[in-house]
Protein backbone atom coordinates (compact mmCIF):
# COMPACT_ATOMS: atom_id res chain seq x y z
CA MET A 1 0.00 0.00 0.00
CA ARG A 2 1.14 3.55 -0.69
CA SER A 3 0.21 6.51 1.47
CA GLU A 4 -0.77 9.84 -0.09
CA GLY A 5 -1.63 12.48 2.49
CA GLY A 6 -4.69 11.43 4.48
CA SER A 7 -5.62 8.54 2.21
CA THR A 8 -4.15 5.26 1.10
CA ARG A 9 -4.21 3.60 -2.28
CA ALA A 10 -4.63 -0.15 -2.15
CA LEU A 11 -3.05 -2.19 -4.91
CA THR A 12 -5.37 -4.87 -6.23
CA ALA A 13 -5.07 -6.64 -9.56
CA ASP A 14 -2.63 -3.99 -10.90
CA ARG A 15 -5.00 -1.12 -10.09
CA LEU A 16 -4.70 1.58 -7.45
CA VAL A 17 -7.95 2.18 -5.56
CA PRO A 18 -8.26 5.23 -3.23
CA MET A 19 -9.15 4.33 0.34
CA PRO A 20 -9.56 6.47 3.52
CA SER A 21 -6.64 6.13 5.91
CA THR A 22 -8.93 4.99 8.74
CA THR A 23 -10.20 2.13 6.55
CA SER A 24 -6.65 1.23 5.56
CA SER A 25 -5.60 1.16 9.22
CA ALA A 26 -8.49 -1.10 10.22
CA LEU A 27 -7.74 -3.43 7.30
CA GLU A 28 -4.10 -3.75 8.32
CA MET A 29 -5.09 -4.35 11.94
CA LEU A 30 -7.19 -7.36 10.90
CA THR A 31 -4.13 -9.54 10.38
CA SER A 32 -2.39 -8.44 13.58
CA PRO A 33 -2.54 -10.72 16.66
CA ALA A 34 -4.95 -8.27 18.33
CA GLY A 35 -7.15 -8.17 15.23
CA VAL A 36 -7.24 -11.95 14.88
CA SER A 37 -8.08 -12.29 18.56
CA ASN A 38 -10.98 -9.81 18.39
CA PRO A 39 -11.86 -8.80 14.83
CA TYR A 40 -15.44 -7.68 15.50
CA PRO A 41 -14.81 -3.96 16.23
CA LEU A 42 -12.72 -3.84 13.05
CA TYR A 43 -15.52 -5.46 11.06
CA ASP A 44 -17.84 -2.72 12.32
CA GLN A 45 -15.44 -0.06 11.04
CA LEU A 46 -14.99 -1.73 7.66
CA ARG A 47 -18.58 -2.78 6.90
CA ALA A 48 -19.70 0.64 5.67
CA SER A 49 -16.83 0.74 3.13
CA SER A 50 -17.34 -2.81 1.86
CA PRO A 51 -16.14 -4.03 -0.62
CA VAL A 52 -12.72 -2.95 0.66
CA PRO A 53 -9.66 -3.42 -1.59
CA GLY A 54 -6.15 -4.36 -0.50
CA TYR A 55 -6.72 -7.11 2.08
CA ARG A 56 -3.56 -9.26 2.18
CA ASP A 57 -3.55 -12.74 3.74
CA TRP A 58 -2.93 -16.43 3.08
CA PRO A 59 -5.55 -18.99 1.98
CA PRO A 60 -5.67 -22.24 3.99
CA GLY A 61 -3.11 -24.81 2.90
CA THR A 62 -0.58 -22.24 1.69
CA VAL A 63 2.67 -21.81 3.58
CA PRO A 64 3.58 -18.32 4.83
CA GLY A 65 7.26 -17.81 4.15
CA ALA A 66 7.13 -20.12 1.14
CA ASP A 67 3.97 -18.84 -0.58
CA ASP A 68 3.10 -15.17 -1.07
CA PRO A 69 -0.10 -13.76 0.46
CA VAL A 70 -2.91 -12.83 -1.90
CA THR A 71 -4.29 -9.31 -2.28
CA ALA A 72 -8.08 -9.31 -2.26
CA TRP A 73 -11.29 -7.37 -2.12
CA ALA A 74 -12.81 -7.92 1.33
CA LEU A 75 -16.58 -8.27 1.78
CA PHE A 76 -17.99 -7.45 5.23
CA ARG A 77 -21.74 -6.96 4.66
CA TYR A 78 -24.19 -9.84 4.94
CA ASP A 79 -25.86 -9.20 1.58
CA GLN A 80 -22.50 -9.09 -0.21
CA VAL A 81 -21.11 -12.24 1.44
CA PHE A 82 -24.40 -14.10 0.90
CA ALA A 83 -24.52 -13.13 -2.78
CA ALA A 84 -20.90 -14.12 -3.42
CA ALA A 85 -21.26 -17.42 -1.55
CA ARG A 86 -24.26 -18.48 -3.62
CA ASP A 87 -22.85 -17.32 -7.00
CA ASN A 88 -20.20 -19.95 -7.62
CA GLU A 89 -20.17 -19.14 -11.35
CA THR A 90 -18.87 -15.63 -10.68
CA PHE A 91 -16.85 -16.33 -7.53
CA SER A 92 -14.80 -19.48 -8.05
CA SER A 93 -13.53 -21.61 -5.16
CA ARG A 94 -10.50 -22.85 -7.09
CA ASP A 95 -7.25 -21.81 -5.43
CA PRO A 96 -4.30 -21.83 -7.84
CA ILE A 97 -1.86 -20.92 -5.07
CA GLN A 98 -2.84 -23.92 -2.99
CA GLU A 99 -2.84 -26.13 -6.08
CA ALA A 100 0.78 -25.09 -6.68
CA SER A 101 1.65 -25.36 -3.00
CA THR A 102 3.26 -28.37 -1.30
CA ALA A 103 0.02 -28.79 0.70
CA PRO A 104 -2.73 -31.06 -0.66
CA SER A 105 -5.65 -29.34 -2.37
CA LEU A 106 -8.81 -29.71 -0.31
CA MET A 107 -11.62 -31.94 -1.59
CA LEU A 108 -14.86 -30.03 -2.42
CA VAL A 109 -13.66 -26.84 -0.72
CA ASN A 110 -11.49 -25.81 -3.68
CA THR A 111 -13.52 -27.19 -6.61
CA ASP A 112 -16.36 -25.76 -8.71
CA PRO A 113 -19.26 -27.39 -10.54
CA PRO A 114 -19.51 -29.57 -12.53
CA HIS A 115 -16.51 -31.35 -10.98
CA HIS A 116 -17.66 -30.34 -7.50
CA THR A 117 -21.15 -31.73 -8.18
CA ALA A 118 -19.78 -35.12 -9.24
CA GLU A 119 -17.44 -35.27 -6.24
CA ARG A 120 -20.20 -34.33 -3.80
CA LYS A 121 -22.54 -37.01 -5.14
CA LEU A 122 -19.90 -39.70 -4.72
CA ILE A 123 -18.85 -38.53 -1.26
CA GLY A 124 -22.47 -38.03 -0.16
CA GLN A 125 -23.19 -41.66 -1.00
CA ALA A 126 -20.61 -42.75 1.58
CA PHE A 127 -20.65 -39.82 4.03
CA SER A 128 -24.40 -40.14 4.49
CA PRO A 129 -26.69 -38.83 7.25
CA ARG A 130 -27.40 -42.43 8.23
CA ARG A 131 -23.68 -43.16 8.72
CA VAL A 132 -23.26 -40.01 10.81
CA LYS A 133 -26.35 -40.84 12.88
CA ARG A 134 -24.77 -44.17 13.86
CA LEU A 135 -22.23 -42.26 15.95
CA GLU A 136 -24.91 -40.82 18.23
CA GLY A 137 -24.96 -43.63 20.80
CA TRP A 138 -21.18 -43.98 20.72
CA LEU A 139 -20.75 -40.23 21.34
CA ALA A 140 -23.30 -40.34 24.18
CA ALA A 141 -21.04 -42.87 25.90
CA LEU A 142 -17.68 -41.36 24.92
CA VAL A 143 -18.18 -37.77 26.07
CA PRO A 144 -19.03 -38.62 29.73
CA GLU A 145 -15.96 -40.89 29.80
CA LEU A 146 -13.76 -38.04 28.57
CA LEU A 147 -15.28 -35.68 31.16
CA ALA A 148 -14.60 -38.24 33.89
CA GLU A 149 -10.94 -38.20 32.81
CA VAL A 150 -11.00 -34.39 32.93
CA ASP A 151 -12.29 -34.50 36.52
CA ARG A 152 -9.69 -37.06 37.61
CA GLU A 153 -6.81 -35.02 36.19
CA ALA A 154 -8.10 -31.59 37.30
CA ARG A 155 -6.54 -29.72 40.19
CA GLY A 156 -9.54 -28.27 41.94
CA ASP A 157 -12.59 -27.22 40.00
CA ILE A 158 -10.90 -25.06 37.34
CA VAL A 159 -10.35 -26.83 34.04
CA ASP A 160 -8.84 -25.76 30.72
CA VAL A 161 -11.57 -27.22 28.51
CA MET A 162 -9.72 -26.96 25.18
CA HIS A 163 -7.87 -30.27 25.54
CA PHE A 164 -11.20 -31.99 26.08
CA ALA A 165 -12.69 -30.01 23.18
CA ALA A 166 -10.00 -31.35 20.83
CA GLU A 167 -10.47 -34.96 21.89
CA VAL A 168 -14.13 -35.27 20.90
CA PRO A 169 -13.99 -34.49 17.14
CA ALA A 170 -10.61 -36.17 16.67
CA ARG A 171 -11.81 -39.44 18.23
CA ALA A 172 -15.10 -39.21 16.32
CA MET A 173 -13.19 -38.81 13.05
CA VAL A 174 -11.05 -41.88 13.79
CA ARG A 175 -14.19 -43.87 14.57
CA LEU A 176 -15.96 -42.65 11.42
CA LEU A 177 -13.03 -43.37 9.10
CA GLY A 178 -12.31 -46.78 10.61
CA LEU A 179 -8.78 -45.93 11.70
CA PRO A 180 -6.87 -47.53 14.61
CA GLU A 181 -7.29 -45.95 18.04
CA GLY A 182 -4.48 -43.51 18.66
CA ASP A 183 -4.45 -42.04 15.16
CA HIS A 184 -6.36 -39.04 16.56
CA VAL A 185 -3.30 -37.87 18.51
CA ARG A 186 -1.78 -36.36 15.36
CA PHE A 187 -4.97 -34.83 13.98
CA LYS A 188 -4.87 -31.58 15.94
CA ARG A 189 -1.24 -30.92 15.01
CA TRP A 190 -1.93 -31.63 11.33
CA ALA A 191 -5.01 -29.40 11.31
CA ASN A 192 -3.28 -26.50 13.06
CA ALA A 193 -0.38 -26.63 10.61
CA PHE A 194 -2.60 -26.74 7.52
CA MET A 195 -5.12 -24.13 8.71
CA LEU A 196 -2.33 -21.75 9.82
CA SER A 197 -3.55 -21.78 13.44
CA SER A 198 -0.10 -22.53 14.87
CA GLU A 199 3.08 -20.50 14.67
CA LEU A 200 5.38 -22.79 12.65
CA THR A 201 8.31 -22.37 10.31
CA PRO A 202 7.61 -23.03 6.62
CA GLU A 203 9.68 -26.21 6.90
CA GLN A 204 7.66 -27.48 9.88
CA ARG A 205 4.38 -26.71 8.12
CA MET A 206 5.40 -28.49 4.92
CA ALA A 207 6.69 -31.50 6.86
CA SER A 208 3.38 -31.76 8.74
CA ASN A 209 1.39 -31.62 5.49
CA GLN A 210 3.56 -34.33 3.95
CA GLU A 211 3.25 -36.54 7.04
CA MET A 212 -0.55 -36.21 6.95
CA VAL A 213 -0.83 -37.19 3.27
CA GLU A 214 1.56 -40.12 3.70
CA ALA A 215 -0.35 -41.39 6.74
CA PHE A 216 -3.71 -41.37 4.93
CA THR A 217 -2.17 -42.90 1.81
CA HIS A 218 -0.87 -45.76 3.96
CA ARG A 219 -4.27 -46.27 5.62
CA LEU A 220 -5.97 -46.26 2.21
CA VAL A 221 -3.65 -49.01 0.97
CA GLN A 222 -4.58 -51.07 4.04
CA HIS A 223 -8.31 -50.60 3.49
CA THR A 224 -8.00 -51.42 -0.21
CA ALA A 225 -6.26 -54.70 0.63
CA GLN A 226 -8.91 -55.57 3.21
CA LEU A 227 -11.72 -54.97 0.72
CA ALA A 228 -9.97 -57.17 -1.85
CA GLU A 229 -9.88 -60.05 0.63
CA CYS A 230 -13.61 -60.10 1.34
CA ALA A 231 -16.48 -59.44 -1.03
CA PRO A 232 -18.66 -56.53 0.13
CA THR A 233 -22.24 -57.21 1.12
CA GLY A 234 -25.12 -54.74 1.15
CA ASP A 235 -25.02 -51.20 -0.23
CA VAL A 236 -22.29 -48.61 0.24
CA ASP A 237 -23.97 -47.17 3.32
CA ASP A 238 -23.66 -50.56 5.03
CA ALA A 239 -19.86 -50.55 4.78
CA GLU A 240 -18.29 -50.72 8.22
CA ASP A 241 -16.19 -47.56 7.90
CA LEU A 242 -16.13 -44.41 5.80
CA ILE A 243 -12.89 -45.16 3.94
CA SER A 244 -14.26 -48.51 2.77
CA ALA A 245 -17.51 -46.79 1.76
CA LEU A 246 -15.58 -44.17 -0.21
CA LEU A 247 -13.68 -46.94 -2.01
CA ARG A 248 -16.99 -48.60 -2.95
CA ALA A 249 -18.96 -45.45 -3.88
CA GLU A 250 -20.07 -45.32 -7.52
CA VAL A 251 -22.37 -42.93 -9.41
CA ASP A 252 -23.08 -43.35 -13.13
CA GLY A 253 -20.01 -45.56 -13.51
CA GLN A 254 -17.72 -43.00 -11.84
CA ARG A 255 -15.69 -43.77 -8.74
CA LEU A 256 -13.35 -41.77 -6.53
CA THR A 257 -9.66 -42.12 -7.26
CA PRO A 258 -7.27 -43.04 -4.41
CA GLU A 259 -5.87 -39.50 -4.56
CA GLU A 260 -9.37 -38.02 -4.18
CA ILE A 261 -10.12 -40.25 -1.19
CA VAL A 262 -6.88 -39.18 0.50
CA ARG A 263 -7.75 -35.54 -0.19
CA PHE A 264 -11.20 -36.01 1.35
CA CYS A 265 -9.69 -37.62 4.47
CA VAL A 266 -7.34 -34.64 4.72
CA THR A 267 -10.31 -32.28 4.32
CA LEU A 268 -12.21 -34.02 7.13
CA VAL A 269 -9.24 -33.71 9.45
CA VAL A 270 -8.14 -30.14 8.74
CA ALA A 271 -11.62 -28.65 8.34
CA GLY A 272 -13.80 -30.87 10.52
CA THR A 273 -11.52 -31.62 13.44
CA GLU A 274 -10.19 -28.11 14.04
CA THR A 275 -13.42 -26.22 13.35
CA THR A 276 -15.48 -28.47 15.63
CA THR A 277 -12.84 -28.27 18.37
CA TYR A 278 -13.05 -24.50 18.28
CA LEU A 279 -16.84 -24.53 18.10
CA ILE A 280 -16.97 -26.67 21.27
CA GLY A 281 -14.71 -24.16 23.02
CA ASN A 282 -16.85 -21.21 21.94
CA LEU A 283 -20.04 -23.04 23.00
CA LEU A 284 -18.63 -23.81 26.45
CA HIS A 285 -17.63 -20.17 26.81
CA LYS A 286 -21.24 -19.23 26.09
CA VAL A 287 -22.49 -21.79 28.63
CA ALA A 288 -20.29 -20.06 31.21
CA SER A 289 -20.90 -16.46 30.16
CA GLU A 290 -24.66 -16.61 29.46
CA PRO A 291 -26.13 -18.05 32.70
CA ALA A 292 -29.73 -17.13 31.91
CA ALA A 293 -29.62 -18.92 28.56
CA THR A 294 -27.82 -21.86 30.16
CA GLN A 295 -30.56 -22.25 32.76
CA ARG A 296 -33.12 -22.36 29.98
CA ILE A 297 -31.34 -25.07 27.99
CA ARG A 298 -30.83 -27.08 31.21
CA ALA A 299 -34.56 -27.12 31.67
CA ASP A 300 -35.48 -27.56 28.01
CA ARG A 301 -32.98 -29.41 25.80
CA SER A 302 -35.12 -28.71 22.73
CA LEU A 303 -33.51 -25.23 22.87
CA LEU A 304 -30.04 -26.65 22.17
CA PRO A 305 -30.24 -26.13 18.37
CA ALA A 306 -31.10 -22.45 18.91
CA PHE A 307 -28.23 -22.13 21.42
CA ILE A 308 -25.82 -23.66 18.89
CA ASP A 309 -27.00 -21.47 16.01
CA GLU A 310 -26.83 -18.26 18.03
CA THR A 311 -23.31 -19.15 19.18
CA MET A 312 -22.27 -19.86 15.58
CA ARG A 313 -23.74 -16.51 14.57
CA LEU A 314 -22.01 -14.60 17.33
CA ASP A 315 -18.74 -16.55 17.54
CA GLY A 316 -18.62 -19.14 14.78
CA PRO A 317 -15.04 -20.31 14.26
CA PRO A 318 -14.93 -19.82 10.44
CA GLN A 319 -14.23 -16.15 9.79
CA ARG A 320 -13.36 -15.90 6.11
CA LEU A 321 -12.66 -17.82 2.92
CA PHE A 322 -11.29 -16.72 -0.42
CA ARG A 323 -12.85 -16.78 -3.89
CA ILE A 324 -11.59 -15.64 -7.32
CA ALA A 325 -13.77 -13.60 -9.71
CA THR A 326 -14.32 -15.39 -13.02
CA ARG A 327 -15.68 -12.26 -14.74
CA ASP A 328 -15.92 -8.52 -14.17
CA VAL A 329 -18.70 -7.85 -11.66
CA GLU A 330 -20.16 -4.67 -10.19
CA MET A 331 -20.77 -4.66 -6.46
CA ASP A 332 -22.05 -1.56 -4.66
CA GLY A 333 -20.33 0.96 -6.89
CA VAL A 334 -17.00 -0.80 -7.46
CA THR A 335 -15.85 -3.13 -10.21
CA ILE A 336 -14.27 -6.40 -9.18
CA ARG A 337 -12.28 -7.54 -12.19
CA ARG A 338 -11.93 -11.02 -13.60
CA GLY A 339 -9.04 -12.71 -11.77
CA ASP A 340 -9.35 -10.59 -8.60
CA TRP A 341 -9.25 -12.38 -5.27
CA VAL A 342 -12.26 -11.82 -3.00
CA ALA A 343 -12.35 -12.53 0.75
CA LEU A 344 -15.77 -13.47 2.14
CA PHE A 345 -15.92 -12.51 5.84
CA PHE A 346 -18.60 -14.78 7.29
CA GLY A 347 -17.79 -13.56 10.80
CA ALA A 348 -18.56 -9.97 9.79
CA ALA A 349 -21.74 -10.94 7.94
CA ASN A 350 -23.01 -12.73 11.04
CA ARG A 351 -22.87 -9.48 13.01
CA ASP A 352 -24.41 -7.22 10.38
CA ALA A 353 -27.10 -5.16 12.14
CA ALA A 354 -29.03 -4.89 8.87
CA VAL A 355 -29.89 -8.59 9.26
CA PHE A 356 -29.38 -9.24 12.98
CA PRO A 357 -30.61 -6.34 15.17
CA ASP A 358 -28.47 -5.68 18.24
CA PRO A 359 -25.92 -8.04 16.67
CA ASP A 360 -23.39 -8.20 19.52
CA ARG A 361 -25.96 -9.54 22.00
CA PHE A 362 -26.50 -13.26 22.56
CA ASP A 363 -30.24 -13.83 22.08
CA LEU A 364 -31.55 -17.37 22.49
CA ASP A 365 -34.90 -16.23 21.07
CA ARG A 366 -33.47 -14.57 17.96
CA ALA A 367 -35.86 -15.55 15.18
CA ASN A 368 -33.31 -15.71 12.36
CA SER A 369 -30.19 -17.21 13.99
CA ARG A 370 -30.24 -20.01 11.42
CA GLN A 371 -29.43 -17.41 8.76
CA GLN A 372 -25.88 -17.32 10.15
CA LEU A 373 -23.26 -18.13 7.51
CA SER A 374 -20.67 -19.96 9.59
CA LEU A 375 -21.49 -23.20 7.76
CA GLY A 376 -21.30 -21.54 4.35
CA HIS A 377 -24.05 -21.24 1.78
CA GLY A 378 -24.97 -22.56 -1.64
CA VAL A 379 -23.10 -25.46 -3.24
CA HIS A 380 -20.37 -25.15 -0.63
CA PHE A 381 -22.63 -25.45 2.40
CA CYS A 382 -20.65 -27.56 4.88
CA LEU A 383 -21.10 -31.26 4.11
CA GLY A 384 -19.96 -32.09 7.65
CA ALA A 385 -22.59 -29.89 9.35
CA PRO A 386 -24.70 -32.87 10.59
CA LEU A 387 -21.60 -34.48 12.14
CA ALA A 388 -20.54 -31.23 13.82
CA ARG A 389 -24.04 -30.68 15.23
CA LEU A 390 -24.16 -34.28 16.51
CA GLU A 391 -20.80 -33.86 18.26
CA VAL A 392 -21.51 -30.51 19.90
CA THR A 393 -25.00 -31.60 20.99
CA ALA A 394 -23.46 -34.64 22.70
CA VAL A 395 -20.96 -32.34 24.44
CA LEU A 396 -23.57 -29.85 25.62
CA ASN A 397 -25.87 -32.59 26.94
CA ALA A 398 -23.03 -34.25 28.83
CA ILE A 399 -21.79 -30.94 30.29
CA LEU A 400 -25.28 -29.96 31.46
CA ASP A 401 -25.88 -33.43 32.92
CA ARG A 402 -22.58 -33.60 34.78
CA TYR A 403 -21.99 -30.07 36.11
CA ALA A 404 -24.30 -27.96 38.23
CA THR A 405 -22.07 -24.93 37.71
CA VAL A 406 -20.03 -23.87 34.66
CA GLU A 407 -18.68 -20.35 35.00
CA LEU A 408 -15.90 -18.03 33.94
CA THR A 409 -12.81 -17.47 36.07
CA ASP A 410 -10.56 -14.46 36.60
CA ASP A 411 -8.32 -15.93 33.89
CA PRO A 412 -9.90 -15.04 30.50
CA GLY A 413 -7.88 -17.65 28.64
CA ASP A 414 -6.11 -17.17 25.31
CA LYS A 415 -7.50 -16.69 21.82
CA GLN A 416 -5.95 -18.05 18.66
CA THR A 417 -3.89 -15.20 17.13
CA ALA A 418 -2.07 -16.85 14.21
CA SER A 419 -4.70 -16.65 11.46
CA LEU A 420 -8.02 -14.94 10.72
CA LEU A 421 -9.33 -18.20 9.29
CA THR A 422 -10.81 -19.02 12.69
CA HIS A 423 -12.01 -17.22 15.81
CA ALA A 424 -11.31 -19.47 18.76
CA TYR A 425 -9.84 -20.17 22.15
CA VAL A 426 -6.64 -22.16 22.45
CA ARG A 427 -6.83 -22.04 26.26
CA LEU A 428 -10.08 -21.59 28.17
CA PRO A 429 -10.14 -22.11 31.96
CA LEU A 430 -13.65 -22.61 33.34
CA ARG A 431 -14.88 -23.41 36.85
CA MET A 432 -16.84 -26.65 36.57
CA ILE A 433 -18.55 -27.97 39.68
CA PRO A 434 -20.41 -31.32 39.57
């Protein structure tokens, strides 16, 4: 960016766009540790100027220090983010930087129709609602066991809940995929490295990505050999584990390649494990910080979906994703050119007062909480949403059943400050009294 008096010109797609210095300052603050930790006041400053040019950051899967950041238009208003998310023909999800990176390209996340449509049909055949639903009883037993371990290892009644929060989705993913117990130990490290949530050197990040791909490639070879030894019975949805079901999935004579299955396993780990971990942490913070709402969901568990949606609106982990314009498009007085990068700020859209009155207030009775965009929209609506909701519902039920008191402490904990991809706690001490 170049400063000229009281204004700044942001360079985007070889064009200089005038921008007020206050807007430029807020945009630069977004990628600072303080901005990542609490971006919401900055969103409020930037929303009126949206689309804002000159936002510089890294897409997931790229390696800071090895890959250059992209320069993008940033969208902060709900109507703009919603429109871009649903218009996949104009705003492409393909990421040429990640495709050229050492990291694996994500399945579904970085593809467009018609290829995306074919992939989603094949994956949906194996990763079905019925398969996810089968985990419900197992989760209902697992989560109380994990909480019992938390209580045994706790010193007093103050617990950092983030270790527990990471265990639930990682173990559920291992169970779903049909992997050996213990594989989940590496999931959090892999996800943090890929999603830029940990401070790592480029070499450490690339080594983690390579280790993850090699591990899933090895597991896929094992599953392929096992399937060859015994003839499958029943339909794909009856397969014992997800990897076997992915190997068997077929639509109109098409099947997933081994590389595609590995990429989908990687996507489940880096997107599903980390995002659900952070969502559990944010939900438990709301349980502790919103006692009136917590009393209501204790008494009436049918309110849990509303509690989850309002938390995802107010503090959903996913904050932004990138798109690339496939054609010139006008948006609120500016022209986004073909080839320009565009950053969709879901976290800002979810607090847009034009859609959610009094947006910074947690409101269990908010009529339109389900309009929150933390799970995406359109063809890229999160395929793993039913699994995430199953996991966090099991956690909330177990927490409410086990603890009479869940409250904040004098220690506010620590937020993730490495990347604006997610808004989350990495350390969250809560007082939990049975």
